[in-house]
Amino acid sequence: MSIAAAPSREVHVGDAIAWLSARGPLPATSLVTSLPDVSETGRTLSHWRGFFVDAAARVCDALTPAGLAIFVQTDLRHEGRWIDKSALVAEGAVQVGADLLCKKVVCRRPPGSRSSAGAAFSNLLVYGRGRLLDSALPDTIPDVLVDPGPSTWVRGVGRDAVAAAVRLVQRYAPATTTIADPFCGEGMTLAVANALGLHAVGVERNHKRADKARALVVTAVELSPGGAVAPARLR
C-alpha cells in the first residue's frame, strides 16, 4: 500500500511582483493572500495605491480558469480618510478580466462593537477568470465569520479566516493542488494549506519572516469544528 507524500511548502525570499511576472499563469494553483498596507511598503499614499492595484492585477493574472484568487483585506484609515481596499482590488482585477465571484465578511472584533483605530472587519473577496462558481455546490462557509482565529502578528490574517478561504478553493476549484501566497508574511496561509492537504508556495521579502513562514505549524485538529484553539506555533 502506497503512502501519500506530505504536502510540500516552498518559501522564496524576494519581490512578489517580480515572482508573479516571471511565472505567468500558475497551473493547478489558487492564490490566497492579503496585500500589504501603505505603512508596510514605505511608499507614499499615491505610490502605494498604484502598487496595490498593480499587485491585485498580477495576482489575478496568475489564475487559470480552474483556479481562484482570494484576497482578505481590511479597509485602511489614513489621515482621517477611509480607503476602500475592495475597490482597489476590483480595479486591478478588471484590468486582467477577472470577476468577483463571492464576497464574505470576517469580523476582527465582536459584532456590534465599535473601533476608532481601524476597520472592525475584513472583506474576503473571491475572484476568478473566465468562470463562475458552481451553483450546484452548496456554500458551507458562513457569509459572516465572527472569529478570524489566532494570528501570528497584529496585521496578520487569522487562522480560521484563512481556513475558510482554502476550503472555498477546495469546494469550487477542486483541480487546485497548490495554494500560493505571494505576500506570505509569517506563513499562516501556507501552514493552513498544508494542514488541509494542499501544497503551498509563498514569497516574502524579509528573511526573518520567511524563516518563520517555513516553520509555522497548523494542525488539522486546530481547524476541525471544536478543535484546539491554541495559536499556531513555530516548529
C-alpha atoms as a PDB file:
ATOM      1  CA  MET A   1       0.000   0.000   0.000  1.00  0.00           C
ATOM      2  CA  SER A   2       1.461   3.361  -1.021  1.00  0.00           C
ATOM      3  CA  ILE A   3       1.594   6.225   1.456  1.00  0.00           C
ATOM      4  CA  ALA A   4       0.720   9.684   0.155  1.00  0.00           C
ATOM      5  CA  ALA A   5       3.531  12.193   0.490  1.00  0.00           C
ATOM      6  CA  ALA A   6       3.037  15.050   2.932  1.00  0.00           C
ATOM      7  CA  PRO A   7       2.097  18.373   1.342  1.00  0.00           C
ATOM      8  CA  SER A   8       5.150  20.416   0.412  1.00  0.00           C
ATOM      9  CA  ARG A   9       5.975  24.024   1.276  1.00  0.00           C
ATOM     10  CA  GLU A  10       8.286  26.445  -0.513  1.00  0.00           C
ATOM     11  CA  VAL A  11       9.092  29.967   0.653  1.00  0.00           C
ATOM     12  CA  HIS A  12      11.023  32.228  -1.719  1.00  0.00           C
ATOM     13  CA  VAL A  13      12.787  35.333  -0.465  1.00  0.00           C
ATOM     14  CA  GLY A  14      12.224  38.103  -2.966  1.00  0.00           C
ATOM     15  CA  ASP A  15       9.812  40.524  -4.580  1.00  0.00           C
ATOM     16  CA  ALA A  16       6.266  39.234  -5.094  1.00  0.00           C
ATOM     17  CA  ILE A  17       5.619  41.258  -8.257  1.00  0.00           C
ATOM     18  CA  ALA A  18       8.806  40.004  -9.901  1.00  0.00           C
ATOM     19  CA  TRP A  19       7.988  36.433  -8.849  1.00  0.00           C
ATOM     20  CA  LEU A  20       4.498  36.604 -10.328  1.00  0.00           C
ATOM     21  CA  SER A  21       5.710  38.290 -13.523  1.00  0.00           C
ATOM     22  CA  ALA A  22       8.312  35.585 -14.123  1.00  0.00           C
ATOM     23  CA  ARG A  23       5.822  32.731 -13.891  1.00  0.00           C
ATOM     24  CA  GLY A  24       2.677  33.744 -15.718  1.00  0.00           C
ATOM     25  CA  PRO A  25      -0.465  31.637 -15.191  1.00  0.00           C
ATOM     26  CA  LEU A  26       0.045  29.033 -12.454  1.00  0.00           C
ATOM     27  CA  PRO A  27      -1.466  25.634 -13.342  1.00  0.00           C
ATOM     28  CA  ALA A  28      -3.341  23.682 -10.628  1.00  0.00           C
ATOM     29  CA  THR A  29      -2.872  26.687  -8.331  1.00  0.00           C
ATOM     30  CA  SER A  30      -5.188  29.058  -6.491  1.00  0.00           C
ATOM     31  CA  LEU A  31      -3.954  32.144  -4.683  1.00  0.00           C
ATOM     32  CA  VAL A  32      -4.891  33.257  -1.166  1.00  0.00           C
ATOM     33  CA  THR A  33      -3.270  36.451   0.011  1.00  0.00           C
ATOM     34  CA  SER A  34      -3.510  39.808   1.770  1.00  0.00           C
ATOM     35  CA  LEU A  35      -1.840  42.729   0.016  1.00  0.00           C
ATOM     36  CA  PRO A  36       0.293  44.991   2.232  1.00  0.00           C
ATOM     37  CA  ASP A  37      -0.793  48.276   3.812  1.00  0.00           C
ATOM     38  CA  VAL A  38       0.865  51.557   2.891  1.00  0.00           C
ATOM     39  CA  SER A  39       2.750  51.512   6.215  1.00  0.00           C
ATOM     40  CA  GLU A  40       4.311  48.151   5.314  1.00  0.00           C
ATOM     41  CA  THR A  41       5.707  49.334   1.989  1.00  0.00           C
ATOM     42  CA  GLY A  42       7.416  52.635   2.844  1.00  0.00           C
ATOM     43  CA  ARG A  43       5.664  54.289  -0.112  1.00  0.00           C
ATOM     44  CA  THR A  44       3.683  57.491  -0.296  1.00  0.00           C
ATOM     45  CA  LEU A  45      -0.070  57.007  -0.375  1.00  0.00           C
ATOM     46  CA  SER A  46      -0.353  57.738  -4.104  1.00  0.00           C
ATOM     47  CA  HIS A  47       2.501  55.371  -4.978  1.00  0.00           C
ATOM     48  CA  TRP A  48       1.054  52.704  -2.696  1.00  0.00           C
ATOM     49  CA  ARG A  49      -2.327  52.936  -4.447  1.00  0.00           C
ATOM     50  CA  GLY A  50      -0.657  52.260  -7.785  1.00  0.00           C
ATOM     51  CA  PHE A  51       1.350  49.402  -6.296  1.00  0.00           C
ATOM     52  CA  PHE A  52      -1.742  47.887  -4.659  1.00  0.00           C
ATOM     53  CA  VAL A  53      -3.822  47.957  -7.853  1.00  0.00           C
ATOM     54  CA  ASP A  54      -0.937  46.504  -9.858  1.00  0.00           C
ATOM     55  CA  ALA A  55      -0.366  43.770  -7.269  1.00  0.00           C
ATOM     56  CA  ALA A  56      -4.051  42.789  -7.371  1.00  0.00           C
ATOM     57  CA  ALA A  57      -3.890  42.632 -11.162  1.00  0.00           C
ATOM     58  CA  ARG A  58      -0.767  40.443 -11.065  1.00  0.00           C
ATOM     59  CA  VAL A  59      -2.344  38.042  -8.591  1.00  0.00           C
ATOM     60  CA  CYS A  60      -5.469  37.681 -10.747  1.00  0.00           C
ATOM     61  CA  ASP A  61      -3.375  37.390 -13.898  1.00  0.00           C
ATOM     62  CA  ALA A  62      -1.668  34.330 -12.408  1.00  0.00           C
ATOM     63  CA  LEU A  63      -5.003  32.493 -12.480  1.00  0.00           C
ATOM     64  CA  THR A  64      -6.075  29.824 -14.907  1.00  0.00           C
ATOM     65  CA  PRO A  65      -9.856  29.340 -15.377  1.00  0.00           C
ATOM     66  CA  ALA A  66      -9.675  26.365 -12.991  1.00  0.00           C
ATOM     67  CA  GLY A  67      -8.350  28.418 -10.064  1.00  0.00           C
ATOM     68  CA  LEU A  68      -9.459  31.141  -7.677  1.00  0.00           C
ATOM     69  CA  ALA A  69      -7.777  34.226  -6.243  1.00  0.00           C
ATOM     70  CA  ILE A  70      -8.914  35.104  -2.716  1.00  0.00           C
ATOM     71  CA  PHE A  71      -7.974  38.384  -1.069  1.00  0.00           C
ATOM     72  CA  VAL A  72      -8.514  39.077   2.630  1.00  0.00           C
ATOM     73  CA  GLN A  73      -8.321  42.863   3.002  1.00  0.00           C
ATOM     74  CA  THR A  74      -9.066  45.311   5.805  1.00  0.00           C
ATOM     75  CA  ASP A  75     -10.022  48.840   4.813  1.00  0.00           C
ATOM     76  CA  LEU A  76      -7.435  51.457   5.726  1.00  0.00           C
ATOM     77  CA  ARG A  77      -7.927  54.649   7.690  1.00  0.00           C
ATOM     78  CA  HIS A  78      -5.278  57.140   6.607  1.00  0.00           C
ATOM     79  CA  GLU A  79      -5.081  60.732   7.813  1.00  0.00           C
ATOM     80  CA  GLY A  80      -8.784  60.846   8.635  1.00  0.00           C
ATOM     81  CA  ARG A  81      -9.960  59.228   5.377  1.00  0.00           C
ATOM     82  CA  TRP A  82     -11.063  55.695   4.654  1.00  0.00           C
ATOM     83  CA  ILE A  83      -9.505  53.799   1.762  1.00  0.00           C
ATOM     84  CA  ASP A  84     -11.678  51.005   0.365  1.00  0.00           C
ATOM     85  CA  LYS A  85      -9.254  48.200  -0.457  1.00  0.00           C
ATOM     86  CA  SER A  86     -12.022  46.128  -2.042  1.00  0.00           C
ATOM     87  CA  ALA A  87     -12.401  48.847  -4.669  1.00  0.00           C
ATOM     88  CA  LEU A  88      -8.647  48.840  -5.301  1.00  0.00           C
ATOM     89  CA  VAL A  89      -8.624  45.055  -5.710  1.00  0.00           C
ATOM     90  CA  ALA A  90     -11.546  45.359  -8.139  1.00  0.00           C
ATOM     91  CA  GLU A  91      -9.651  47.997 -10.127  1.00  0.00           C
ATOM     92  CA  GLY A  92      -6.719  45.651 -10.573  1.00  0.00           C
ATOM     93  CA  ALA A  93      -8.868  42.624 -11.297  1.00  0.00           C
ATOM     94  CA  VAL A  94     -10.830  44.311 -14.072  1.00  0.00           C
ATOM     95  CA  GLN A  95      -7.553  45.144 -15.852  1.00  0.00           C
ATOM     96  CA  VAL A  96      -6.949  41.422 -16.456  1.00  0.00           C
ATOM     97  CA  GLY A  97     -10.551  40.308 -16.926  1.00  0.00           C
ATOM     98  CA  ALA A  98     -11.104  38.766 -13.503  1.00  0.00           C
ATOM     99  CA  ASP A  99     -14.565  38.805 -11.921  1.00  0.00           C
ATOM    100  CA  LEU A 100     -15.730  38.994  -8.314  1.00  0.00           C
ATOM    101  CA  LEU A 101     -17.487  35.670  -7.700  1.00  0.00           C
ATOM    102  CA  CYS A 102     -18.132  35.764  -3.971  1.00  0.00           C
ATOM    103  CA  LYS A 103     -17.710  38.122  -1.014  1.00  0.00           C
ATOM    104  CA  LYS A 104     -17.747  37.411   2.721  1.00  0.00           C
ATOM    105  CA  VAL A 105     -17.057  39.402   5.884  1.00  0.00           C
ATOM    106  CA  VAL A 106     -14.554  38.461   8.581  1.00  0.00           C
ATOM    107  CA  CYS A 107     -15.087  40.216  11.929  1.00  0.00           C
ATOM    108  CA  ARG A 108     -11.882  41.452  13.528  1.00  0.00           C
ATOM    109  CA  ARG A 109     -13.790  42.470  16.655  1.00  0.00           C
ATOM    110  CA  PRO A 110     -17.072  41.147  18.096  1.00  0.00           C
ATOM    111  CA  PRO A 111     -20.147  42.091  16.039  1.00  0.00           C
ATOM    112  CA  GLY A 112     -21.773  45.242  17.389  1.00  0.00           C
ATOM    113  CA  SER A 113     -18.531  46.705  18.717  1.00  0.00           C
ATOM    114  CA  ARG A 114     -17.019  49.972  17.561  1.00  0.00           C
ATOM    115  CA  SER A 115     -13.445  50.783  16.680  1.00  0.00           C
ATOM    116  CA  SER A 116     -11.804  54.181  16.344  1.00  0.00           C
ATOM    117  CA  ALA A 117      -8.398  52.772  15.428  1.00  0.00           C
ATOM    118  CA  GLY A 118      -9.349  50.962  12.216  1.00  0.00           C
ATOM    119  CA  ALA A 119     -11.897  48.805  10.477  1.00  0.00           C
ATOM    120  CA  ALA A 120     -13.537  46.193  12.707  1.00  0.00           C
ATOM    121  CA  PHE A 121     -13.905  43.727   9.825  1.00  0.00           C
ATOM    122  CA  SER A 122     -12.101  42.428   6.763  1.00  0.00           C
ATOM    123  CA  ASN A 123     -13.507  41.575   3.343  1.00  0.00           C
ATOM    124  CA  LEU A 124     -12.875  38.119   1.925  1.00  0.00           C
ATOM    125  CA  LEU A 125     -13.032  38.548  -1.859  1.00  0.00           C
ATOM    126  CA  VAL A 126     -13.128  35.591  -4.263  1.00  0.00           C
ATOM    127  CA  TYR A 127     -12.083  36.267  -7.884  1.00  0.00           C
ATOM    128  CA  GLY A 128     -11.912  34.083 -10.959  1.00  0.00           C
ATOM    129  CA  ARG A 129     -11.090  34.432 -14.663  1.00  0.00           C
ATOM    130  CA  GLY A 130     -13.444  33.033 -17.275  1.00  0.00           C
ATOM    131  CA  ARG A 131     -15.553  31.084 -14.812  1.00  0.00           C
ATOM    132  CA  LEU A 132     -18.383  31.159 -12.275  1.00  0.00           C
ATOM    133  CA  LEU A 133     -18.792  29.290  -9.009  1.00  0.00           C
ATOM    134  CA  ASP A 134     -20.722  26.044  -9.384  1.00  0.00           C
ATOM    135  CA  SER A 135     -24.178  26.904  -8.014  1.00  0.00           C
ATOM    136  CA  ALA A 136     -24.925  23.194  -7.657  1.00  0.00           C
ATOM    137  CA  LEU A 137     -22.436  23.040  -4.789  1.00  0.00           C
ATOM    138  CA  PRO A 138     -23.893  24.486  -1.578  1.00  0.00           C
ATOM    139  CA  ASP A 139     -21.640  27.052   0.092  1.00  0.00           C
ATOM    140  CA  THR A 140     -20.827  25.805   3.579  1.00  0.00           C
ATOM    141  CA  ILE A 141     -18.795  28.876   4.628  1.00  0.00           C
ATOM    142  CA  PRO A 142     -20.860  31.491   6.529  1.00  0.00           C
ATOM    143  CA  ASP A 143     -21.279  34.888   4.888  1.00  0.00           C
ATOM    144  CA  VAL A 144     -20.066  36.463   8.155  1.00  0.00           C
ATOM    145  CA  LEU A 145     -17.226  34.859  10.090  1.00  0.00           C
ATOM    146  CA  VAL A 146     -17.461  36.165  13.637  1.00  0.00           C
ATOM    147  CA  ASP A 147     -13.978  35.000  14.694  1.00  0.00           C
ATOM    148  CA  PRO A 148     -10.929  35.140  12.411  1.00  0.00           C
ATOM    149  CA  GLY A 149      -8.978  32.844  14.714  1.00  0.00           C
ATOM    150  CA  PRO A 150      -5.488  33.394  16.129  1.00  0.00           C
ATOM    151  CA  SER A 151      -2.810  35.164  14.147  1.00  0.00           C
ATOM    152  CA  THR A 152       0.953  35.295  14.468  1.00  0.00           C
ATOM    153  CA  TRP A 153       1.043  39.114  14.390  1.00  0.00           C
ATOM    154  CA  VAL A 154      -1.317  42.058  14.696  1.00  0.00           C
ATOM    155  CA  ARG A 155      -1.677  42.674  10.938  1.00  0.00           C
ATOM    156  CA  GLY A 156      -1.834  39.020  10.015  1.00  0.00           C
ATOM    157  CA  VAL A 157      -4.911  37.200   8.729  1.00  0.00           C
ATOM    158  CA  GLY A 158      -6.418  34.873  11.319  1.00  0.00           C
ATOM    159  CA  ARG A 159      -6.055  31.122  11.032  1.00  0.00           C
ATOM    160  CA  ASP A 160      -9.794  30.421  10.731  1.00  0.00           C
ATOM    161  CA  ALA A 161     -10.307  33.117   8.101  1.00  0.00           C
ATOM    162  CA  VAL A 162      -7.523  31.556   6.038  1.00  0.00           C
ATOM    163  CA  ALA A 163      -9.064  28.121   6.528  1.00  0.00           C
ATOM    164  CA  ALA A 164     -12.400  29.430   5.209  1.00  0.00           C
ATOM    165  CA  ALA A 165     -10.623  30.760   2.116  1.00  0.00           C
ATOM    166  CA  VAL A 166      -8.781  27.494   1.475  1.00  0.00           C
ATOM    167  CA  ARG A 167     -11.978  25.485   1.942  1.00  0.00           C
ATOM    168  CA  LEU A 168     -13.702  27.696  -0.633  1.00  0.00           C
ATOM    169  CA  VAL A 169     -10.880  26.790  -3.012  1.00  0.00           C
ATOM    170  CA  GLN A 170     -11.276  23.083  -2.265  1.00  0.00           C
ATOM    171  CA  ARG A 171     -15.025  23.264  -2.878  1.00  0.00           C
ATOM    172  CA  TYR A 172     -15.143  25.389  -6.014  1.00  0.00           C
ATOM    173  CA  ALA A 173     -11.710  24.818  -7.573  1.00  0.00           C
ATOM    174  CA  PRO A 174     -11.105  21.098  -6.945  1.00  0.00           C
ATOM    175  CA  ALA A 175      -8.329  20.911  -9.551  1.00  0.00           C
ATOM    176  CA  THR A 176      -6.193  23.039  -7.220  1.00  0.00           C
ATOM    177  CA  THR A 177      -3.266  21.138  -5.726  1.00  0.00           C
ATOM    178  CA  THR A 178      -1.227  24.175  -4.602  1.00  0.00           C
ATOM    179  CA  ILE A 179      -2.044  27.358  -2.708  1.00  0.00           C
ATOM    180  CA  ALA A 180       0.217  30.305  -3.490  1.00  0.00           C
ATOM    181  CA  ASP A 181       0.601  33.412  -1.331  1.00  0.00           C
ATOM    182  CA  PRO A 182       2.924  35.951  -2.982  1.00  0.00           C
ATOM    183  CA  PHE A 183       2.749  38.173   0.134  1.00  0.00           C
ATOM    184  CA  CYS A 184       3.018  35.353   2.665  1.00  0.00           C
ATOM    185  CA  GLY A 185       4.442  37.233   5.675  1.00  0.00           C
ATOM    186  CA  GLU A 186       4.886  34.765   8.522  1.00  0.00           C
ATOM    187  CA  GLY A 187       3.181  31.970   6.612  1.00  0.00           C
ATOM    188  CA  MET A 188      -0.322  31.464   8.014  1.00  0.00           C
ATOM    189  CA  THR A 189      -1.787  30.760   4.565  1.00  0.00           C
ATOM    190  CA  LEU A 190       0.959  28.254   3.792  1.00  0.00           C
ATOM    191  CA  ALA A 191       0.576  26.439   7.115  1.00  0.00           C
ATOM    192  CA  VAL A 192      -3.212  26.213   6.801  1.00  0.00           C
ATOM    193  CA  ALA A 193      -2.966  24.972   3.204  1.00  0.00           C
ATOM    194  CA  ASN A 194      -0.609  22.198   4.310  1.00  0.00           C
ATOM    195  CA  ALA A 195      -2.897  21.272   7.213  1.00  0.00           C
ATOM    196  CA  LEU A 196      -5.769  20.909   4.733  1.00  0.00           C
ATOM    197  CA  GLY A 197      -3.713  18.666   2.451  1.00  0.00           C
ATOM    198  CA  LEU A 198      -2.522  21.113  -0.227  1.00  0.00           C
ATOM    199  CA  HIS A 199       0.957  22.076  -1.336  1.00  0.00           C
ATOM    200  CA  ALA A 200       1.943  25.662  -0.580  1.00  0.00           C
ATOM    201  CA  VAL A 201       4.307  28.230  -2.036  1.00  0.00           C
ATOM    202  CA  GLY A 202       4.951  31.720  -0.729  1.00  0.00           C
ATOM    203  CA  VAL A 203       7.069  34.799  -1.344  1.00  0.00           C
ATOM    204  CA  GLU A 204       8.385  37.133   1.359  1.00  0.00           C
ATOM    205  CA  ARG A 205      10.942  39.936   1.123  1.00  0.00           C
ATOM    206  CA  ASN A 206      12.110  39.743   4.734  1.00  0.00           C
ATOM    207  CA  HIS A 207      14.471  36.867   5.583  1.00  0.00           C
ATOM    208  CA  LYS A 208      13.319  36.561   9.214  1.00  0.00           C
ATOM    209  CA  ARG A 209       9.654  36.439   8.260  1.00  0.00           C
ATOM    210  CA  ALA A 210      10.462  33.940   5.518  1.00  0.00           C
ATOM    211  CA  ASP A 211      12.136  31.690   8.105  1.00  0.00           C
ATOM    212  CA  LYS A 212       9.005  31.923  10.278  1.00  0.00           C
ATOM    213  CA  ALA A 213       6.868  31.105   7.246  1.00  0.00           C
ATOM    214  CA  ARG A 214       8.869  27.931   6.672  1.00  0.00           C
ATOM    215  CA  ALA A 215       8.492  26.860  10.308  1.00  0.00           C
ATOM    216  CA  LEU A 216       4.879  27.744  11.161  1.00  0.00           C
ATOM    217  CA  VAL A 217       2.716  24.733  12.010  1.00  0.00           C
ATOM    218  CA  VAL A 218      -1.072  24.491  11.957  1.00  0.00           C
ATOM    219  CA  THR A 219      -2.627  21.085  12.586  1.00  0.00           C
ATOM    220  CA  ALA A 220      -5.768  19.605  11.089  1.00  0.00           C
ATOM    221  CA  VAL A 221      -7.123  19.244  14.642  1.00  0.00           C
ATOM    222  CA  GLU A 222      -6.912  23.023  15.129  1.00  0.00           C
ATOM    223  CA  LEU A 223      -9.029  23.507  12.006  1.00  0.00           C
ATOM    224  CA  SER A 224     -11.713  20.970  12.843  1.00  0.00           C
ATOM    225  CA  PRO A 225     -15.034  22.016  14.449  1.00  0.00           C
ATOM    226  CA  GLY A 226     -14.471  22.189  18.196  1.00  0.00           C
ATOM    227  CA  GLY A 227     -10.761  21.629  17.673  1.00  0.00           C
ATOM    228  CA  ALA A 228      -7.903  23.151  19.610  1.00  0.00           C
ATOM    229  CA  VAL A 229      -7.880  26.915  19.830  1.00  0.00           C
ATOM    230  CA  ALA A 230      -4.232  27.370  20.761  1.00  0.00           C
ATOM    231  CA  PRO A 231      -2.327  29.770  18.478  1.00  0.00           C
ATOM    232  CA  ALA A 232      -0.379  28.300  15.610  1.00  0.00           C
ATOM    233  CA  ARG A 233       3.149  27.569  16.703  1.00  0.00           C
ATOM    234  CA  LEU A 234       6.665  27.663  15.370  1.00  0.00           C
ATOM    235  CA  ARG A 235       8.390  24.358  14.777  1.00  0.00           C
END
